């Protein structure tokens, strides 16, 4: 995740790479409440009393370690919070529907990126209360990430990472596994305290993949977005049996280095949004709160 600091607007505008949802299965990327430092928990409770902590994890921001937490407020909002070294909240991120963007921002996007489709959007609030809006756009065959202030002023655009920005062993692993693929992102993160790289790419066949790669180039995990109709029949049936009346909204095929495939399905159950993981034979693995 990258940050563009625009002094003339007095706002640290987050130009956010909006990635795939939290992934379940053989490992849980959204760590439990117990993994949040006590000071972070206290800051969350003070800012959002009664909120449910969905996860905490350490990430790198401009080469510095930062703590990020995902919460669900009492009124049901899903927020991402970023903390500084003193465990103070410095950034709050809220996912928005495209039609929930301020009219000025929607107009500015349409003017600057004619014909573009808004894929995802976030409201980003800095510690001083200044607000910016980050949007992920599909512009023809390209994906762009742009940020605007609340009045529609363009702040900046984050170009997709190039393959050269990944360490050589990671580059080599990606190129070997998916020759000719278009790399859309590559960032370092920590999983259970160990460094690894997360890469997003589009294969020559058009498949959208997320890869987790070790610093030495070992392919740890592959995440592929799939159409709902591409789910194995036994998995689709298992979802209906465990969650009667649930409406599936998206699905991913998760393949770890062991080759044991799981399927993660996001769905709506009444007013709730959830994510459930099933093995390829339909066996239930786990459930998470949805985004």
C-alpha atoms as a PDB file:
ATOM      1  CA  UNK A   1       0.000   0.000   0.000  1.00  0.00           C
ATOM      2  CA  UNK A   2       1.378   3.390  -0.972  1.00  0.00           C
ATOM      3  CA  UNK A   3       0.687   6.860   0.378  1.00  0.00           C
ATOM      4  CA  UNK A   4       0.861  10.113  -1.564  1.00  0.00           C
ATOM      5  CA  UNK A   5       1.250  13.160   0.681  1.00  0.00           C
ATOM      6  CA  UNK A   6      -0.166  16.239  -1.026  1.00  0.00           C
ATOM      7  CA  UNK A   7       0.742  19.264   1.052  1.00  0.00           C
ATOM      8  CA  UNK A   8      -1.215  21.813  -0.971  1.00  0.00           C
ATOM      9  CA  UNK A   9      -4.434  20.091  -0.021  1.00  0.00           C
ATOM     10  CA  UNK A  10      -3.357  19.479   3.563  1.00  0.00           C
ATOM     11  CA  UNK A  11      -4.331  15.825   3.290  1.00  0.00           C
ATOM     12  CA  UNK A  12      -2.409  12.589   3.296  1.00  0.00           C
ATOM     13  CA  UNK A  13      -4.394  11.036   0.487  1.00  0.00           C
ATOM     14  CA  UNK A  14      -4.248   7.312   0.368  1.00  0.00           C
ATOM     15  CA  UNK A  15      -3.920   5.933  -3.141  1.00  0.00           C
ATOM     16  CA  UNK A  16      -4.931   2.440  -2.245  1.00  0.00           C
ATOM     17  CA  UNK A  17      -4.372  -0.796  -4.076  1.00  0.00           C
ATOM     18  CA  UNK A  18      -7.680  -2.476  -3.517  1.00  0.00           C
ATOM     19  CA  UNK A  19      -7.036  -6.105  -3.454  1.00  0.00           C
ATOM     20  CA  UNK A  20      -8.833  -9.316  -3.056  1.00  0.00           C
ATOM     21  CA  UNK A  21     -10.987 -10.080  -0.017  1.00  0.00           C
ATOM     22  CA  UNK A  22      -9.592 -11.741   3.055  1.00  0.00           C
ATOM     23  CA  UNK A  23      -8.875 -15.347   2.242  1.00  0.00           C
ATOM     24  CA  UNK A  24      -9.809 -18.327   4.346  1.00  0.00           C
ATOM     25  CA  UNK A  25      -8.764 -21.953   4.129  1.00  0.00           C
ATOM     26  CA  UNK A  26      -5.421 -23.266   5.235  1.00  0.00           C
ATOM     27  CA  UNK A  27      -4.413 -19.941   6.691  1.00  0.00           C
ATOM     28  CA  UNK A  28      -6.326 -16.953   7.977  1.00  0.00           C
ATOM     29  CA  UNK A  29      -5.075 -13.627   6.693  1.00  0.00           C
ATOM     30  CA  UNK A  30      -7.237 -11.607   9.024  1.00  0.00           C
ATOM     31  CA  UNK A  31      -5.695 -12.377  12.362  1.00  0.00           C
ATOM     32  CA  UNK A  32      -7.797 -12.557  15.500  1.00  0.00           C
ATOM     33  CA  UNK A  33      -8.476  -9.943  18.097  1.00  0.00           C
ATOM     34  CA  UNK A  34      -5.877 -11.454  20.397  1.00  0.00           C
ATOM     35  CA  UNK A  35      -3.148 -10.473  17.928  1.00  0.00           C
ATOM     36  CA  UNK A  36      -3.905  -6.755  18.346  1.00  0.00           C
ATOM     37  CA  UNK A  37      -1.654  -4.959  20.842  1.00  0.00           C
ATOM     38  CA  UNK A  38      -3.473  -3.792  23.961  1.00  0.00           C
ATOM     39  CA  UNK A  39      -2.872  -0.139  23.077  1.00  0.00           C
ATOM     40  CA  UNK A  40      -4.439  -0.663  19.648  1.00  0.00           C
ATOM     41  CA  UNK A  41      -7.488  -2.341  21.194  1.00  0.00           C
ATOM     42  CA  UNK A  42      -7.844   0.583  23.589  1.00  0.00           C
ATOM     43  CA  UNK A  43      -7.621   3.115  20.753  1.00  0.00           C
ATOM     44  CA  UNK A  44     -10.277   1.228  18.786  1.00  0.00           C
ATOM     45  CA  UNK A  45     -12.627   1.039  21.788  1.00  0.00           C
ATOM     46  CA  UNK A  46     -12.188   4.761  22.434  1.00  0.00           C
ATOM     47  CA  UNK A  47     -12.841   5.775  18.806  1.00  0.00           C
ATOM     48  CA  UNK A  48     -15.520   3.166  18.090  1.00  0.00           C
ATOM     49  CA  UNK A  49     -17.076   1.893  21.336  1.00  0.00           C
ATOM     50  CA  UNK A  50     -18.453  -1.618  21.069  1.00  0.00           C
ATOM     51  CA  UNK A  51     -16.881  -2.273  17.664  1.00  0.00           C
ATOM     52  CA  UNK A  52     -15.970  -5.835  16.738  1.00  0.00           C
ATOM     53  CA  UNK A  53     -12.305  -6.286  15.846  1.00  0.00           C
ATOM     54  CA  UNK A  54     -12.079  -8.479  12.743  1.00  0.00           C
ATOM     55  CA  UNK A  55      -8.312  -8.539  12.434  1.00  0.00           C
ATOM     56  CA  UNK A  56      -4.969  -6.857  13.055  1.00  0.00           C
ATOM     57  CA  UNK A  57      -1.785  -7.191  11.037  1.00  0.00           C
ATOM     58  CA  UNK A  58       1.565  -5.527  10.627  1.00  0.00           C
ATOM     59  CA  UNK A  59       2.382  -4.101   7.184  1.00  0.00           C
ATOM     60  CA  UNK A  60       5.075  -1.989   5.562  1.00  0.00           C
ATOM     61  CA  UNK A  61       4.248   1.563   4.511  1.00  0.00           C
ATOM     62  CA  UNK A  62       7.026   3.480   2.750  1.00  0.00           C
ATOM     63  CA  UNK A  63       9.492   1.071   4.329  1.00  0.00           C
ATOM     64  CA  UNK A  64       8.078   1.555   7.832  1.00  0.00           C
ATOM     65  CA  UNK A  65       6.172  -0.976   9.918  1.00  0.00           C
ATOM     66  CA  UNK A  66       2.554   0.070  10.521  1.00  0.00           C
ATOM     67  CA  UNK A  67      -0.334  -1.656  12.252  1.00  0.00           C
ATOM     68  CA  UNK A  68      -3.627  -2.053  10.436  1.00  0.00           C
ATOM     69  CA  UNK A  69      -6.898  -3.217  11.954  1.00  0.00           C
ATOM     70  CA  UNK A  70     -10.235  -4.149  10.412  1.00  0.00           C
ATOM     71  CA  UNK A  71     -13.337  -3.554  12.491  1.00  0.00           C
ATOM     72  CA  UNK A  72     -17.115  -3.661  12.291  1.00  0.00           C
ATOM     73  CA  UNK A  73     -18.817  -0.806  14.130  1.00  0.00           C
ATOM     74  CA  UNK A  74     -21.986  -1.182  16.169  1.00  0.00           C
ATOM     75  CA  UNK A  75     -23.992   0.226  13.256  1.00  0.00           C
ATOM     76  CA  UNK A  76     -22.526  -2.357  10.865  1.00  0.00           C
ATOM     77  CA  UNK A  77     -19.893  -0.317   9.039  1.00  0.00           C
ATOM     78  CA  UNK A  78     -16.721  -2.146   7.983  1.00  0.00           C
ATOM     79  CA  UNK A  79     -13.672   0.063   8.540  1.00  0.00           C
ATOM     80  CA  UNK A  80      -9.932  -0.238   8.098  1.00  0.00           C
ATOM     81  CA  UNK A  81      -7.818   1.658  10.626  1.00  0.00           C
ATOM     82  CA  UNK A  82      -4.134   2.521  10.355  1.00  0.00           C
ATOM     83  CA  UNK A  83      -2.035   3.241  13.442  1.00  0.00           C
ATOM     84  CA  UNK A  84       1.264   5.071  13.932  1.00  0.00           C
ATOM     85  CA  UNK A  85       4.123   3.932  16.161  1.00  0.00           C
ATOM     86  CA  UNK A  86       2.391   5.529  19.168  1.00  0.00           C
ATOM     87  CA  UNK A  87      -0.729   3.418  18.455  1.00  0.00           C
ATOM     88  CA  UNK A  88      -2.779   6.453  17.460  1.00  0.00           C
ATOM     89  CA  UNK A  89      -5.256   6.184  14.577  1.00  0.00           C
ATOM     90  CA  UNK A  90      -3.836   8.122  11.639  1.00  0.00           C
ATOM     91  CA  UNK A  91      -6.106   6.887   8.858  1.00  0.00           C
ATOM     92  CA  UNK A  92      -9.637   5.482   8.597  1.00  0.00           C
ATOM     93  CA  UNK A  93     -10.755   3.736   5.410  1.00  0.00           C
ATOM     94  CA  UNK A  94     -14.350   2.878   4.550  1.00  0.00           C
ATOM     95  CA  UNK A  95     -15.441   0.952   1.474  1.00  0.00           C
ATOM     96  CA  UNK A  96     -18.171   2.639  -0.554  1.00  0.00           C
ATOM     97  CA  UNK A  97     -20.469   1.686  -3.372  1.00  0.00           C
ATOM     98  CA  UNK A  98     -19.689   3.667  -6.510  1.00  0.00           C
ATOM     99  CA  UNK A  99     -23.027   5.473  -6.288  1.00  0.00           C
ATOM    100  CA  UNK A 100     -22.195   6.557  -2.716  1.00  0.00           C
ATOM    101  CA  UNK A 101     -19.316   8.772  -3.879  1.00  0.00           C
ATOM    102  CA  UNK A 102     -19.980  12.515  -3.555  1.00  0.00           C
ATOM    103  CA  UNK A 103     -21.434  13.895  -6.812  1.00  0.00           C
ATOM    104  CA  UNK A 104     -18.391  16.134  -7.249  1.00  0.00           C
ATOM    105  CA  UNK A 105     -16.081  13.123  -7.091  1.00  0.00           C
ATOM    106  CA  UNK A 106     -18.225  11.056  -9.446  1.00  0.00           C
ATOM    107  CA  UNK A 107     -18.268  13.922 -11.935  1.00  0.00           C
ATOM    108  CA  UNK A 108     -14.509  14.408 -11.639  1.00  0.00           C
ATOM    109  CA  UNK A 109     -13.877  10.720 -12.297  1.00  0.00           C
ATOM    110  CA  UNK A 110     -16.145  10.761 -15.358  1.00  0.00           C
ATOM    111  CA  UNK A 111     -14.413  13.875 -16.681  1.00  0.00           C
ATOM    112  CA  UNK A 112     -10.843  12.710 -16.169  1.00  0.00           C
ATOM    113  CA  UNK A 113     -11.449   9.059 -17.111  1.00  0.00           C
ATOM    114  CA  UNK A 114     -14.174   9.160 -19.756  1.00  0.00           C
ATOM    115  CA  UNK A 115     -15.829   5.793 -20.174  1.00  0.00           C
ATOM    116  CA  UNK A 116     -14.070   4.267 -17.150  1.00  0.00           C
ATOM    117  CA  UNK A 117     -15.903   1.860 -14.859  1.00  0.00           C
ATOM    118  CA  UNK A 118     -15.512   2.308 -11.110  1.00  0.00           C
ATOM    119  CA  UNK A 119     -14.625  -1.091  -9.710  1.00  0.00           C
ATOM    120  CA  UNK A 120     -14.102  -0.149  -6.062  1.00  0.00           C
ATOM    121  CA  UNK A 121     -14.109   2.988  -3.964  1.00  0.00           C
ATOM    122  CA  UNK A 122     -13.002   4.031  -0.489  1.00  0.00           C
ATOM    123  CA  UNK A 123     -13.479   7.032   1.728  1.00  0.00           C
ATOM    124  CA  UNK A 124     -10.187   7.852   3.436  1.00  0.00           C
ATOM    125  CA  UNK A 125     -10.204  10.090   6.507  1.00  0.00           C
ATOM    126  CA  UNK A 126      -6.930  11.403   7.928  1.00  0.00           C
ATOM    127  CA  UNK A 127      -6.322  12.073  11.619  1.00  0.00           C
ATOM    128  CA  UNK A 128      -7.001  15.782  11.100  1.00  0.00           C
ATOM    129  CA  UNK A 129     -10.425  15.012   9.631  1.00  0.00           C
ATOM    130  CA  UNK A 130      -9.500  15.769   6.031  1.00  0.00           C
ATOM    131  CA  UNK A 131     -11.284  13.410   3.629  1.00  0.00           C
ATOM    132  CA  UNK A 132     -10.177  11.974   0.290  1.00  0.00           C
ATOM    133  CA  UNK A 133     -11.720   9.353  -1.987  1.00  0.00           C
ATOM    134  CA  UNK A 134      -9.753   6.537  -3.601  1.00  0.00           C
ATOM    135  CA  UNK A 135     -11.180   4.738  -6.621  1.00  0.00           C
ATOM    136  CA  UNK A 136     -10.091   1.683  -8.547  1.00  0.00           C
ATOM    137  CA  UNK A 137     -10.995   2.102 -12.212  1.00  0.00           C
ATOM    138  CA  UNK A 138     -11.223  -0.109 -15.254  1.00  0.00           C
ATOM    139  CA  UNK A 139     -10.103   2.047 -18.169  1.00  0.00           C
ATOM    140  CA  UNK A 140     -10.329  -0.126 -21.253  1.00  0.00           C
ATOM    141  CA  UNK A 141      -7.912  -2.998 -20.647  1.00  0.00           C
ATOM    142  CA  UNK A 142      -6.058  -1.049 -17.941  1.00  0.00           C
ATOM    143  CA  UNK A 143      -6.603  -0.755 -14.196  1.00  0.00           C
ATOM    144  CA  UNK A 144      -5.922   2.573 -12.507  1.00  0.00           C
ATOM    145  CA  UNK A 145      -6.062   3.802  -8.912  1.00  0.00           C
ATOM    146  CA  UNK A 146      -6.832   7.488  -8.457  1.00  0.00           C
ATOM    147  CA  UNK A 147      -7.520   9.767  -5.509  1.00  0.00           C
ATOM    148  CA  UNK A 148      -9.708  12.871  -5.326  1.00  0.00           C
ATOM    149  CA  UNK A 149     -10.533  15.329  -2.554  1.00  0.00           C
ATOM    150  CA  UNK A 150     -14.149  15.662  -1.432  1.00  0.00           C
ATOM    151  CA  UNK A 151     -14.713  18.614  -3.773  1.00  0.00           C
ATOM    152  CA  UNK A 152     -13.581  16.571  -6.784  1.00  0.00           C
ATOM    153  CA  UNK A 153     -10.018  17.900  -7.048  1.00  0.00           C
ATOM    154  CA  UNK A 154      -7.683  15.295  -8.535  1.00  0.00           C
ATOM    155  CA  UNK A 155      -4.888  14.389  -6.109  1.00  0.00           C
ATOM    156  CA  UNK A 156      -2.923  11.702  -7.889  1.00  0.00           C
ATOM    157  CA  UNK A 157      -2.838   8.365  -9.599  1.00  0.00           C
ATOM    158  CA  UNK A 158      -0.992   5.251  -8.631  1.00  0.00           C
ATOM    159  CA  UNK A 159       0.253   3.250 -11.568  1.00  0.00           C
ATOM    160  CA  UNK A 160       0.267  -0.530 -11.235  1.00  0.00           C
ATOM    161  CA  UNK A 161       3.531  -1.954  -9.958  1.00  0.00           C
ATOM    162  CA  UNK A 162       5.861  -3.262 -12.597  1.00  0.00           C
ATOM    163  CA  UNK A 163       7.500  -6.650 -12.450  1.00  0.00           C
ATOM    164  CA  UNK A 164      10.885  -4.999 -11.912  1.00  0.00           C
ATOM    165  CA  UNK A 165       9.674  -3.725  -8.531  1.00  0.00           C
ATOM    166  CA  UNK A 166       9.529  -7.288  -7.187  1.00  0.00           C
ATOM    167  CA  UNK A 167      12.781  -8.780  -5.826  1.00  0.00           C
ATOM    168  CA  UNK A 168      14.592 -10.880  -8.476  1.00  0.00           C
ATOM    169  CA  UNK A 169      13.683 -14.286  -6.923  1.00  0.00           C
ATOM    170  CA  UNK A 170      10.002 -13.263  -6.828  1.00  0.00           C
ATOM    171  CA  UNK A 171      10.143 -11.950 -10.408  1.00  0.00           C
ATOM    172  CA  UNK A 172      11.685 -15.197 -11.586  1.00  0.00           C
ATOM    173  CA  UNK A 173       9.057 -17.325  -9.840  1.00  0.00           C
ATOM    174  CA  UNK A 174       6.190 -15.342 -11.380  1.00  0.00           C
ATOM    175  CA  UNK A 175       7.719 -15.376 -14.843  1.00  0.00           C
ATOM    176  CA  UNK A 176       8.360 -19.113 -14.659  1.00  0.00           C
ATOM    177  CA  UNK A 177       4.867 -19.984 -13.436  1.00  0.00           C
ATOM    178  CA  UNK A 178       2.991 -17.557 -15.710  1.00  0.00           C
ATOM    179  CA  UNK A 179       5.077 -16.529 -18.755  1.00  0.00           C
ATOM    180  CA  UNK A 180       3.860 -13.321 -20.354  1.00  0.00           C
ATOM    181  CA  UNK A 181       1.489 -12.453 -17.507  1.00  0.00           C
ATOM    182  CA  UNK A 182       0.715  -8.777 -16.814  1.00  0.00           C
ATOM    183  CA  UNK A 183       1.752  -7.888 -13.275  1.00  0.00           C
ATOM    184  CA  UNK A 184      -0.685  -5.460 -11.636  1.00  0.00           C
ATOM    185  CA  UNK A 185       0.798  -5.258  -8.151  1.00  0.00           C
ATOM    186  CA  UNK A 186       3.622  -6.521  -5.967  1.00  0.00           C
ATOM    187  CA  UNK A 187       4.040  -5.674  -2.292  1.00  0.00           C
ATOM    188  CA  UNK A 188       5.824  -7.020   0.740  1.00  0.00           C
ATOM    189  CA  UNK A 189       3.811  -8.030   3.775  1.00  0.00           C
ATOM    190  CA  UNK A 190       4.174 -10.202   6.870  1.00  0.00           C
ATOM    191  CA  UNK A 191       2.300 -13.412   7.587  1.00  0.00           C
ATOM    192  CA  UNK A 192       2.710 -14.846  11.083  1.00  0.00           C
ATOM    193  CA  UNK A 193       5.728 -12.559  11.490  1.00  0.00           C
ATOM    194  CA  UNK A 194       7.463 -13.835   8.353  1.00  0.00           C
ATOM    195  CA  UNK A 195       8.055 -11.682   5.256  1.00  0.00           C
ATOM    196  CA  UNK A 196       6.474 -12.644   1.951  1.00  0.00           C
ATOM    197  CA  UNK A 197       5.340 -10.928  -1.243  1.00  0.00           C
ATOM    198  CA  UNK A 198       1.823 -10.606  -2.581  1.00  0.00           C
ATOM    199  CA  UNK A 199       1.545 -10.216  -6.343  1.00  0.00           C
ATOM    200  CA  UNK A 200      -1.535  -9.600  -8.444  1.00  0.00           C
ATOM    201  CA  UNK A 201      -1.466 -10.461 -12.114  1.00  0.00           C
ATOM    202  CA  UNK A 202      -3.489 -11.212 -15.210  1.00  0.00           C
ATOM    203  CA  UNK A 203      -2.430 -14.255 -17.177  1.00  0.00           C
ATOM    204  CA  UNK A 204      -2.220 -14.370 -20.960  1.00  0.00           C
ATOM    205  CA  UNK A 205      -5.502 -16.280 -20.860  1.00  0.00           C
ATOM    206  CA  UNK A 206      -7.149 -13.413 -18.955  1.00  0.00           C
ATOM    207  CA  UNK A 207      -7.357 -15.064 -15.526  1.00  0.00           C
ATOM    208  CA  UNK A 208      -6.980 -12.734 -12.526  1.00  0.00           C
ATOM    209  CA  UNK A 209      -4.662 -14.247  -9.921  1.00  0.00           C
ATOM    210  CA  UNK A 210      -3.218 -13.336  -6.564  1.00  0.00           C
ATOM    211  CA  UNK A 211       0.064 -15.026  -5.669  1.00  0.00           C
ATOM    212  CA  UNK A 212       1.850 -15.271  -2.359  1.00  0.00           C
ATOM    213  CA  UNK A 213       5.569 -15.799  -2.872  1.00  0.00           C
ATOM    214  CA  UNK A 214       8.393 -16.284  -0.374  1.00  0.00           C
ATOM    215  CA  UNK A 215      11.423 -13.939  -0.525  1.00  0.00           C
ATOM    216  CA  UNK A 216      13.411 -16.825  -2.049  1.00  0.00           C
ATOM    217  CA  UNK A 217      10.876 -17.336  -4.836  1.00  0.00           C
ATOM    218  CA  UNK A 218       8.770 -20.172  -3.454  1.00  0.00           C
ATOM    219  CA  UNK A 219       5.154 -20.056  -4.645  1.00  0.00           C
ATOM    220  CA  UNK A 220       3.140 -20.364  -1.428  1.00  0.00           C
ATOM    221  CA  UNK A 221      -0.422 -19.808  -2.542  1.00  0.00           C
ATOM    222  CA  UNK A 222      -2.510 -18.972  -5.597  1.00  0.00           C
ATOM    223  CA  UNK A 223      -5.869 -17.217  -5.423  1.00  0.00           C
ATOM    224  CA  UNK A 224      -8.070 -17.112  -8.522  1.00  0.00           C
ATOM    225  CA  UNK A 225     -11.327 -15.238  -8.887  1.00  0.00           C
ATOM    226  CA  UNK A 226     -13.877 -17.481 -10.576  1.00  0.00           C
ATOM    227  CA  UNK A 227     -17.453 -17.143 -11.763  1.00  0.00           C
ATOM    228  CA  UNK A 228     -20.114 -18.547  -9.463  1.00  0.00           C
ATOM    229  CA  UNK A 229     -21.170 -21.032 -12.111  1.00  0.00           C
ATOM    230  CA  UNK A 230     -17.598 -22.353 -12.159  1.00  0.00           C
ATOM    231  CA  UNK A 231     -17.893 -23.615  -8.581  1.00  0.00           C
ATOM    232  CA  UNK A 232     -17.904 -27.420  -8.337  1.00  0.00           C
ATOM    233  CA  UNK A 233     -21.477 -28.661  -7.991  1.00  0.00           C
ATOM    234  CA  UNK A 234     -20.683 -30.336  -4.680  1.00  0.00           C
ATOM    235  CA  UNK A 235     -19.383 -27.036  -3.265  1.00  0.00           C
ATOM    236  CA  UNK A 236     -22.399 -25.040  -4.458  1.00  0.00           C
ATOM    237  CA  UNK A 237     -24.678 -27.671  -2.930  1.00  0.00           C
ATOM    238  CA  UNK A 238     -22.776 -27.598   0.367  1.00  0.00           C
ATOM    239  CA  UNK A 239     -23.219 -23.819   0.567  1.00  0.00           C
ATOM    240  CA  UNK A 240     -26.977 -24.162   0.089  1.00  0.00           C
ATOM    241  CA  UNK A 241     -27.237 -26.869   2.718  1.00  0.00           C
ATOM    242  CA  UNK A 242     -25.246 -25.011   5.368  1.00  0.00           C
ATOM    243  CA  UNK A 243     -26.723 -21.578   4.601  1.00  0.00           C
ATOM    244  CA  UNK A 244     -30.303 -22.034   3.302  1.00  0.00           C
ATOM    245  CA  UNK A 245     -31.426 -19.031   1.288  1.00  0.00           C
ATOM    246  CA  UNK A 246     -27.932 -17.560   1.037  1.00  0.00           C
ATOM    247  CA  UNK A 247     -27.144 -15.523  -2.069  1.00  0.00           C
ATOM    248  CA  UNK A 248     -23.576 -16.038  -3.328  1.00  0.00           C
ATOM    249  CA  UNK A 249     -21.933 -12.866  -4.670  1.00  0.00           C
ATOM    250  CA  UNK A 250     -18.377 -13.926  -5.579  1.00  0.00           C
ATOM    251  CA  UNK A 251     -16.007 -16.843  -5.344  1.00  0.00           C
ATOM    252  CA  UNK A 252     -12.298 -17.643  -5.331  1.00  0.00           C
ATOM    253  CA  UNK A 253     -10.346 -20.819  -5.884  1.00  0.00           C
ATOM    254  CA  UNK A 254      -7.516 -21.112  -3.357  1.00  0.00           C
ATOM    255  CA  UNK A 255      -4.562 -23.365  -4.168  1.00  0.00           C
ATOM    256  CA  UNK A 256      -1.720 -23.588  -1.607  1.00  0.00           C
ATOM    257  CA  UNK A 257       1.690 -25.058  -2.332  1.00  0.00           C
ATOM    258  CA  UNK A 258       0.393 -28.437  -1.133  1.00  0.00           C
ATOM    259  CA  UNK A 259      -2.050 -28.466  -4.043  1.00  0.00           C
ATOM    260  CA  UNK A 260      -5.091 -29.007  -1.794  1.00  0.00           C
ATOM    261  CA  UNK A 261      -7.782 -26.779  -3.313  1.00  0.00           C
ATOM    262  CA  UNK A 262     -10.353 -24.819  -1.306  1.00  0.00           C
ATOM    263  CA  UNK A 263     -13.127 -22.511  -2.458  1.00  0.00           C
ATOM    264  CA  UNK A 264     -14.005 -19.283  -0.696  1.00  0.00           C
ATOM    265  CA  UNK A 265     -17.476 -17.909  -1.300  1.00  0.00           C
ATOM    266  CA  UNK A 266     -18.764 -14.479  -0.325  1.00  0.00           C
ATOM    267  CA  UNK A 267     -22.512 -14.417   0.227  1.00  0.00           C
ATOM    268  CA  UNK A 268     -25.414 -12.513   1.711  1.00  0.00           C
ATOM    269  CA  UNK A 269     -27.545 -14.152   4.394  1.00  0.00           C
ATOM    270  CA  UNK A 270     -30.368 -11.791   5.225  1.00  0.00           C
ATOM    271  CA  UNK A 271     -28.736  -8.507   6.241  1.00  0.00           C
ATOM    272  CA  UNK A 272     -25.393 -10.154   6.960  1.00  0.00           C
ATOM    273  CA  UNK A 273     -22.430 -10.529   4.641  1.00  0.00           C
ATOM    274  CA  UNK A 274     -20.259 -13.559   5.226  1.00  0.00           C
ATOM    275  CA  UNK A 275     -17.449 -15.557   3.655  1.00  0.00           C
ATOM    276  CA  UNK A 276     -17.271 -19.323   3.931  1.00  0.00           C
ATOM    277  CA  UNK A 277     -14.612 -21.743   2.783  1.00  0.00           C
ATOM    278  CA  UNK A 278     -15.247 -25.271   1.543  1.00  0.00           C
ATOM    279  CA  UNK A 279     -12.903 -28.023   0.443  1.00  0.00           C
ATOM    280  CA  UNK A 280     -13.157 -29.302  -3.124  1.00  0.00           C
ATOM    281  CA  UNK A 281     -15.296 -32.214  -1.904  1.00  0.00           C
ATOM    282  CA  UNK A 282     -17.798 -29.855  -0.268  1.00  0.00           C
ATOM    283  CA  UNK A 283     -16.551 -30.225   3.298  1.00  0.00           C
ATOM    284  CA  UNK A 284     -17.008 -27.035   5.338  1.00  0.00           C
ATOM    285  CA  UNK A 285     -13.722 -25.431   6.438  1.00  0.00           C
ATOM    286  CA  UNK A 286     -14.527 -22.125   8.136  1.00  0.00           C
ATOM    287  CA  UNK A 287     -16.576 -18.941   8.156  1.00  0.00           C
ATOM    288  CA  UNK A 288     -15.552 -15.293   8.371  1.00  0.00           C
ATOM    289  CA  UNK A 289     -17.385 -12.007   8.551  1.00  0.00           C
ATOM    290  CA  UNK A 290     -17.667 -10.558   5.058  1.00  0.00           C
ATOM    291  CA  UNK A 291     -16.481  -7.153   3.927  1.00  0.00           C
END
